[in-house]
Structure formats: structure tokens, C-alpha cells
PDB file of N, CA and C in Angstrom:
ATOM      1  N   MET A   1       0.841  -1.176   0.000  1.00  0.00           N
ATOM      2  CA  MET A   1       0.000   0.000   0.000  1.00  0.00           C
ATOM      3  C   MET A   1       0.889   1.243   0.000  1.00  0.00           C
ATOM      4  N   GLU A   2       0.581   2.194  -0.838  1.00  0.00           N
ATOM      5  CA  GLU A   2       1.354   3.424  -0.932  1.00  0.00           C
ATOM      6  C   GLU A   2       0.956   4.398   0.157  1.00  0.00           C
ATOM      7  N   LYS A   3       1.874   5.307   0.486  1.00  0.00           N
ATOM      8  CA  LYS A   3       1.601   6.344   1.479  1.00  0.00           C
ATOM      9  C   LYS A   3       1.836   7.705   0.850  1.00  0.00           C
ATOM     10  N   LEU A   4       1.145   8.679   1.370  1.00  0.00           N
ATOM     11  CA  LEU A   4       1.361  10.067   0.992  1.00  0.00           C
ATOM     12  C   LEU A   4       1.690  10.811   2.270  1.00  0.00           C
ATOM     13  N   ILE A   5       2.897  11.316   2.371  1.00  0.00           N
ATOM     14  CA  ILE A   5       3.327  12.035   3.562  1.00  0.00           C
ATOM     15  C   ILE A   5       3.464  13.505   3.200  1.00  0.00           C
ATOM     16  N   VAL A   6       2.732  14.356   3.918  1.00  0.00           N
ATOM     17  CA  VAL A   6       2.768  15.790   3.685  1.00  0.00           C
ATOM     18  C   VAL A   6       3.494  16.426   4.853  1.00  0.00           C
ATOM     19  N   SER A   7       4.544  17.173   4.558  1.00  0.00           N
ATOM     20  CA  SER A   7       5.273  17.852   5.627  1.00  0.00           C
ATOM     21  C   SER A   7       5.582  19.280   5.183  1.00  0.00           C
ATOM     22  N   GLY A   8       5.851  20.134   6.139  1.00  0.00           N
ATOM     23  CA  GLY A   8       6.229  21.479   5.763  1.00  0.00           C
ATOM     24  C   GLY A   8       5.590  22.572   6.589  1.00  0.00           C
ATOM     25  N   GLY A   9       4.485  22.334   7.231  1.00  0.00           N
ATOM     26  CA  GLY A   9       3.892  23.339   8.096  1.00  0.00           C
ATOM     27  C   GLY A   9       2.952  24.316   7.407  1.00  0.00           C
ATOM     28  N   LYS A  10       2.787  24.222   6.096  1.00  0.00           N
ATOM     29  CA  LYS A  10       1.845  25.088   5.397  1.00  0.00           C
ATOM     30  C   LYS A  10       0.536  24.333   5.223  1.00  0.00           C
ATOM     31  N   PRO A  11      -0.606  24.950   5.591  1.00  0.00           N
ATOM     32  CA  PRO A  11      -1.881  24.247   5.454  1.00  0.00           C
ATOM     33  C   PRO A  11      -2.259  24.038   3.988  1.00  0.00           C
ATOM     34  N   LEU A  12      -2.919  22.919   3.732  1.00  0.00           N
ATOM     35  CA  LEU A  12      -3.411  22.634   2.386  1.00  0.00           C
ATOM     36  C   LEU A  12      -4.732  23.350   2.174  1.00  0.00           C
ATOM     37  N   SER A  13      -4.956  23.843   0.976  1.00  0.00           N
ATOM     38  CA  SER A  13      -6.232  24.463   0.636  1.00  0.00           C
ATOM     39  C   SER A  13      -6.370  24.428  -0.877  1.00  0.00           C
ATOM     40  N   GLY A  14      -7.597  24.604  -1.330  1.00  0.00           N
ATOM     41  CA  GLY A  14      -7.792  24.643  -2.772  1.00  0.00           C
ATOM     42  C   GLY A  14      -9.106  24.034  -3.194  1.00  0.00           C
ATOM     43  N   THR A  15      -9.236  23.840  -4.490  1.00  0.00           N
ATOM     44  CA  THR A  15     -10.447  23.304  -5.088  1.00  0.00           C
ATOM     45  C   THR A  15     -10.079  22.100  -5.936  1.00  0.00           C
ATOM     46  N   VAL A  16     -10.909  21.077  -5.856  1.00  0.00           N
ATOM     47  CA  VAL A  16     -10.702  19.869  -6.652  1.00  0.00           C
ATOM     48  C   VAL A  16     -11.938  19.654  -7.501  1.00  0.00           C
ATOM     49  N   TRP A  17     -11.756  19.462  -8.801  1.00  0.00           N
ATOM     50  CA  TRP A  17     -12.859  19.146  -9.696  1.00  0.00           C
ATOM     51  C   TRP A  17     -12.770  17.668 -10.027  1.00  0.00           C
ATOM     52  N   ALA A  18     -13.842  16.949  -9.768  1.00  0.00           N
ATOM     53  CA  ALA A  18     -13.867  15.511 -10.057  1.00  0.00           C
ATOM     54  C   ALA A  18     -15.192  15.166 -10.721  1.00  0.00           C
ATOM     55  N   SER A  19     -15.193  14.047 -11.415  1.00  0.00           N
ATOM     56  CA  SER A  19     -16.425  13.621 -12.082  1.00  0.00           C
ATOM     57  C   SER A  19     -17.449  13.165 -11.053  1.00  0.00           C
ATOM     58  N   GLY A  20     -18.672  12.962 -11.481  1.00  0.00           N
ATOM     59  CA  GLY A  20     -19.740  12.545 -10.591  1.00  0.00           C
ATOM     60  C   GLY A  20     -19.827  11.037 -10.431  1.00  0.00           C
ATOM     61  N   SER A  21     -18.729  10.330 -10.570  1.00  0.00           N
ATOM     62  CA  SER A  21     -18.756   8.872 -10.458  1.00  0.00           C
ATOM     63  C   SER A  21     -18.524   8.429  -9.019  1.00  0.00           C
ATOM     64  N   LYS A  22     -18.958   7.217  -8.720  1.00  0.00           N
ATOM     65  CA  LYS A  22     -18.767   6.662  -7.381  1.00  0.00           C
ATOM     66  C   LYS A  22     -17.286   6.577  -7.044  1.00  0.00           C
ATOM     67  N   ASN A  23     -16.476   6.180  -8.009  1.00  0.00           N
ATOM     68  CA  ASN A  23     -15.053   6.018  -7.746  1.00  0.00           C
ATOM     69  C   ASN A  23     -14.378   7.336  -7.391  1.00  0.00           C
ATOM     70  N   ALA A  24     -14.941   8.450  -7.815  1.00  0.00           N
ATOM     71  CA  ALA A  24     -14.410   9.751  -7.440  1.00  0.00           C
ATOM     72  C   ALA A  24     -15.072  10.258  -6.162  1.00  0.00           C
ATOM     73  N   ALA A  25     -16.350   9.983  -5.981  1.00  0.00           N
ATOM     74  CA  ALA A  25     -17.116  10.558  -4.874  1.00  0.00           C
ATOM     75  C   ALA A  25     -16.707  10.007  -3.510  1.00  0.00           C
ATOM     76  N   LEU A  26     -16.560   8.704  -3.381  1.00  0.00           N
ATOM     77  CA  LEU A  26     -16.298   8.121  -2.071  1.00  0.00           C
ATOM     78  C   LEU A  26     -14.972   8.585  -1.466  1.00  0.00           C
ATOM     79  N   PRO A  27     -13.868   8.564  -2.206  1.00  0.00           N
ATOM     80  CA  PRO A  27     -12.622   9.086  -1.615  1.00  0.00           C
ATOM     81  C   PRO A  27     -12.720  10.571  -1.259  1.00  0.00           C
ATOM     82  N   LEU A  28     -13.416  11.358  -2.081  1.00  0.00           N
ATOM     83  CA  LEU A  28     -13.589  12.778  -1.766  1.00  0.00           C
ATOM     84  C   LEU A  28     -14.380  12.965  -0.482  1.00  0.00           C
ATOM     85  N   LEU A  29     -15.442  12.189  -0.325  1.00  0.00           N
ATOM     86  CA  LEU A  29     -16.241  12.302   0.893  1.00  0.00           C
ATOM     87  C   LEU A  29     -15.422  11.951   2.129  1.00  0.00           C
ATOM     88  N   PHE A  30     -14.688  10.855   2.079  1.00  0.00           N
ATOM     89  CA  PHE A  30     -13.889  10.471   3.242  1.00  0.00           C
ATOM     90  C   PHE A  30     -12.730  11.429   3.492  1.00  0.00           C
ATOM     91  N   ALA A  31     -12.229  12.080   2.454  1.00  0.00           N
ATOM     92  CA  ALA A  31     -11.151  13.055   2.636  1.00  0.00           C
ATOM     93  C   ALA A  31     -11.623  14.284   3.408  1.00  0.00           C
ATOM     94  N   THR A  32     -12.928  14.521   3.439  1.00  0.00           N
ATOM     95  CA  THR A  32     -13.430  15.702   4.152  1.00  0.00           C
ATOM     96  C   THR A  32     -13.179  15.632   5.653  1.00  0.00           C
ATOM     97  N   ILE A  33     -12.944  14.441   6.197  1.00  0.00           N
ATOM     98  CA  ILE A  33     -12.679  14.343   7.634  1.00  0.00           C
ATOM     99  C   ILE A  33     -11.278  14.823   7.994  1.00  0.00           C
ATOM    100  N   LEU A  34     -10.464  15.125   6.993  1.00  0.00           N
ATOM    101  CA  LEU A  34      -9.102  15.588   7.243  1.00  0.00           C
ATOM    102  C   LEU A  34      -9.028  17.086   7.520  1.00  0.00           C
ATOM    103  N   THR A  35     -10.140  17.783   7.424  1.00  0.00           N
ATOM    104  CA  THR A  35     -10.143  19.224   7.639  1.00  0.00           C
ATOM    105  C   THR A  35     -11.298  19.617   8.549  1.00  0.00           C
ATOM    106  N   GLU A  36     -11.129  20.726   9.237  1.00  0.00           N
ATOM    107  CA  GLU A  36     -12.221  21.268  10.039  1.00  0.00           C
ATOM    108  C   GLU A  36     -13.017  22.306   9.248  1.00  0.00           C
ATOM    109  N   ASP A  37     -12.535  22.651   8.059  1.00  0.00           N
ATOM    110  CA  ASP A  37     -13.218  23.624   7.209  1.00  0.00           C
ATOM    111  C   ASP A  37     -14.479  23.024   6.596  1.00  0.00           C
ATOM    112  N   THR A  38     -15.343  23.885   6.111  1.00  0.00           N
ATOM    113  CA  THR A  38     -16.535  23.441   5.397  1.00  0.00           C
ATOM    114  C   THR A  38     -16.136  22.952   4.012  1.00  0.00           C
ATOM    115  N   CYS A  39     -16.639  21.801   3.616  1.00  0.00           N
ATOM    116  CA  CYS A  39     -16.374  21.240   2.294  1.00  0.00           C
ATOM    117  C   CYS A  39     -17.690  21.190   1.532  1.00  0.00           C
ATOM    118  N   ILE A  40     -17.691  21.684   0.327  1.00  0.00           N
ATOM    119  CA  ILE A  40     -18.871  21.653  -0.528  1.00  0.00           C
ATOM    120  C   ILE A  40     -18.571  20.690  -1.670  1.00  0.00           C
ATOM    121  N   ILE A  41     -19.383  19.643  -1.747  1.00  0.00           N
ATOM    122  CA  ILE A  41     -19.202  18.646  -2.800  1.00  0.00           C
ATOM    123  C   ILE A  41     -20.495  18.597  -3.596  1.00  0.00           C
ATOM    124  N   GLU A  42     -20.386  18.859  -4.876  1.00  0.00           N
ATOM    125  CA  GLU A  42     -21.547  18.884  -5.754  1.00  0.00           C
ATOM    126  C   GLU A  42     -21.494  17.705  -6.721  1.00  0.00           C
ATOM    127  N   ASN A  43     -22.626  17.412  -7.322  1.00  0.00           N
ATOM    128  CA  ASN A  43     -22.720  16.398  -8.371  1.00  0.00           C
ATOM    129  C   ASN A  43     -22.438  14.983  -7.864  1.00  0.00           C
ATOM    130  N   LEU A  44     -22.865  14.687  -6.629  1.00  0.00           N
ATOM    131  CA  LEU A  44     -22.698  13.332  -6.110  1.00  0.00           C
ATOM    132  C   LEU A  44     -23.725  12.413  -6.759  1.00  0.00           C
ATOM    133  N   PRO A  45     -23.304  11.206  -7.144  1.00  0.00           N
ATOM    134  CA  PRO A  45     -24.273  10.279  -7.715  1.00  0.00           C
ATOM    135  C   PRO A  45     -25.253   9.801  -6.641  1.00  0.00           C
ATOM    136  N   ALA A  46     -26.494   9.630  -7.010  1.00  0.00           N
ATOM    137  CA  ALA A  46     -27.533   9.189  -6.066  1.00  0.00           C
ATOM    138  C   ALA A  46     -27.530   7.667  -6.001  1.00  0.00           C
ATOM    139  N   ILE A  47     -26.538   7.120  -5.286  1.00  0.00           N
ATOM    140  CA  ILE A  47     -26.411   5.668  -5.149  1.00  0.00           C
ATOM    141  C   ILE A  47     -26.243   5.315  -3.679  1.00  0.00           C
ATOM    142  N   ARG A  48     -26.506   4.060  -3.354  1.00  0.00           N
ATOM    143  CA  ARG A  48     -26.467   3.609  -1.961  1.00  0.00           C
ATOM    144  C   ARG A  48     -25.088   3.788  -1.335  1.00  0.00           C
ATOM    145  N   ASP A  49     -24.019   3.555  -2.064  1.00  0.00           N
ATOM    146  CA  ASP A  49     -22.671   3.714  -1.512  1.00  0.00           C
ATOM    147  C   ASP A  49     -22.448   5.131  -0.989  1.00  0.00           C
ATOM    148  N   VAL A  50     -22.906   6.115  -1.731  1.00  0.00           N
ATOM    149  CA  VAL A  50     -22.768   7.512  -1.299  1.00  0.00           C
ATOM    150  C   VAL A  50     -23.620   7.762  -0.063  1.00  0.00           C
ATOM    151  N   GLU A  51     -24.847   7.251  -0.058  1.00  0.00           N
ATOM    152  CA  GLU A  51     -25.726   7.439   1.106  1.00  0.00           C
ATOM    153  C   GLU A  51     -25.127   6.807   2.356  1.00  0.00           C
ATOM    154  N   MET A  52     -24.569   5.611   2.226  1.00  0.00           N
ATOM    155  CA  MET A  52     -23.944   4.935   3.371  1.00  0.00           C
ATOM    156  C   MET A  52     -22.720   5.696   3.854  1.00  0.00           C
ATOM    157  N   THR A  53     -21.936   6.227   2.926  1.00  0.00           N
ATOM    158  CA  THR A  53     -20.763   7.014   3.295  1.00  0.00           C
ATOM    159  C   THR A  53     -21.169   8.259   4.067  1.00  0.00           C
ATOM    160  N   LEU A  54     -22.232   8.927   3.623  1.00  0.00           N
ATOM    161  CA  LEU A  54     -22.715  10.106   4.339  1.00  0.00           C
ATOM    162  C   LEU A  54     -23.191   9.733   5.743  1.00  0.00           C
ATOM    163  N   GLN A  55     -23.818   8.569   5.883  1.00  0.00           N
ATOM    164  CA  GLN A  55     -24.248   8.119   7.207  1.00  0.00           C
ATOM    165  C   GLN A  55     -23.050   7.828   8.111  1.00  0.00           C
ATOM    166  N   ILE A  56     -22.013   7.225   7.560  1.00  0.00           N
ATOM    167  CA  ILE A  56     -20.799   6.942   8.330  1.00  0.00           C
ATOM    168  C   ILE A  56     -20.159   8.250   8.787  1.00  0.00           C
ATOM    169  N   LEU A  57     -20.050   9.214   7.878  1.00  0.00           N
ATOM    170  CA  LEU A  57     -19.459  10.507   8.231  1.00  0.00           C
ATOM    171  C   LEU A  57     -20.279  11.214   9.305  1.00  0.00           C
ATOM    172  N   ALA A  58     -21.609  11.146   9.210  1.00  0.00           N
ATOM    173  CA  ALA A  58     -22.466  11.755  10.224  1.00  0.00           C
ATOM    174  C   ALA A  58     -22.262  11.070  11.572  1.00  0.00           C
ATOM    175  N   TYR A  59     -22.115   9.759  11.571  1.00  0.00           N
ATOM    176  CA  TYR A  59     -21.862   9.010  12.810  1.00  0.00           C
ATOM    177  C   TYR A  59     -20.526   9.433  13.426  1.00  0.00           C
ATOM    178  N   MET A  60     -19.566   9.773  12.578  1.00  0.00           N
ATOM    179  CA  MET A  60     -18.246  10.207  13.053  1.00  0.00           C
ATOM    180  C   MET A  60     -18.257  11.662  13.520  1.00  0.00           C
ATOM    181  N   GLY A  61     -19.383  12.351  13.377  1.00  0.00           N
ATOM    182  CA  GLY A  61     -19.502  13.713  13.869  1.00  0.00           C
ATOM    183  C   GLY A  61     -19.592  14.786  12.802  1.00  0.00           C
ATOM    184  N   ALA A  62     -19.539  14.403  11.536  1.00  0.00           N
ATOM    185  CA  ALA A  62     -19.646  15.394  10.462  1.00  0.00           C
ATOM    186  C   ALA A  62     -21.074  15.935  10.407  1.00  0.00           C
ATOM    187  N   LYS A  63     -21.189  17.203  10.072  1.00  0.00           N
ATOM    188  CA  LYS A  63     -22.499  17.810   9.877  1.00  0.00           C
ATOM    189  C   LYS A  63     -22.777  17.810   8.378  1.00  0.00           C
ATOM    190  N   ILE A  64     -23.768  17.056   7.980  1.00  0.00           N
ATOM    191  CA  ILE A  64     -24.120  16.900   6.574  1.00  0.00           C
ATOM    192  C   ILE A  64     -25.342  17.774   6.279  1.00  0.00           C
ATOM    193  N   CYS A  65     -25.239  18.606   5.266  1.00  0.00           N
ATOM    194  CA  CYS A  65     -26.349  19.466   4.877  1.00  0.00           C
ATOM    195  C   CYS A  65     -26.574  19.271   3.385  1.00  0.00           C
ATOM    196  N   ARG A  66     -27.763  18.786   3.039  1.00  0.00           N
ATOM    197  CA  ARG A  66     -28.098  18.583   1.637  1.00  0.00           C
ATOM    198  C   ARG A  66     -29.206  19.533   1.241  1.00  0.00           C
ATOM    199  N   PRO A  67     -29.039  20.247   0.141  1.00  0.00           N
ATOM    200  CA  PRO A  67     -30.105  21.159  -0.294  1.00  0.00           C
ATOM    201  C   PRO A  67     -31.351  20.377  -0.678  1.00  0.00           C
ATOM    202  N   SER A  68     -32.493  20.971  -0.405  1.00  0.00           N
ATOM    203  CA  SER A  68     -33.753  20.268  -0.720  1.00  0.00           C
ATOM    204  C   SER A  68     -34.260  20.609  -2.101  1.00  0.00           C
TER     205      SER A  68
END
């Protein structure tokens, strides 16, 4: 398994554009737990894997807000 080690003391920030596929959505959703900032993710596919991931994140303390 590969590792990504970030060092240097400068905070990461920026914008990531990804497709609306499950393979892109799930890692992006789980990456949101690495920051205390608000993350806005658009164009999520309406599939069970995404719904379960959102439930897991909410259980871990994330505040999930979906527009109606």
C-alpha cells in the first residue's frame, strides 16, 4: 500500500474538480474528515454507496447538509 506524507507546516487548501462517479465521490467524501473547514461537494451520484458514506461521516460527527 502506498503512502502520501505531507510535511512542511503550510496548510493545504484549494479546489478539486472531479467527475460525478462513485469512484471519485467516495474518496472525496472520506477526505473531508481531514479538515475542520466546510467542504462543498456537488454532483454526487444518487447511489447507496454515497448514502452509506454520508451516514458513516455523520456518525463520526460530520455535519451533513443537503439542499432540498
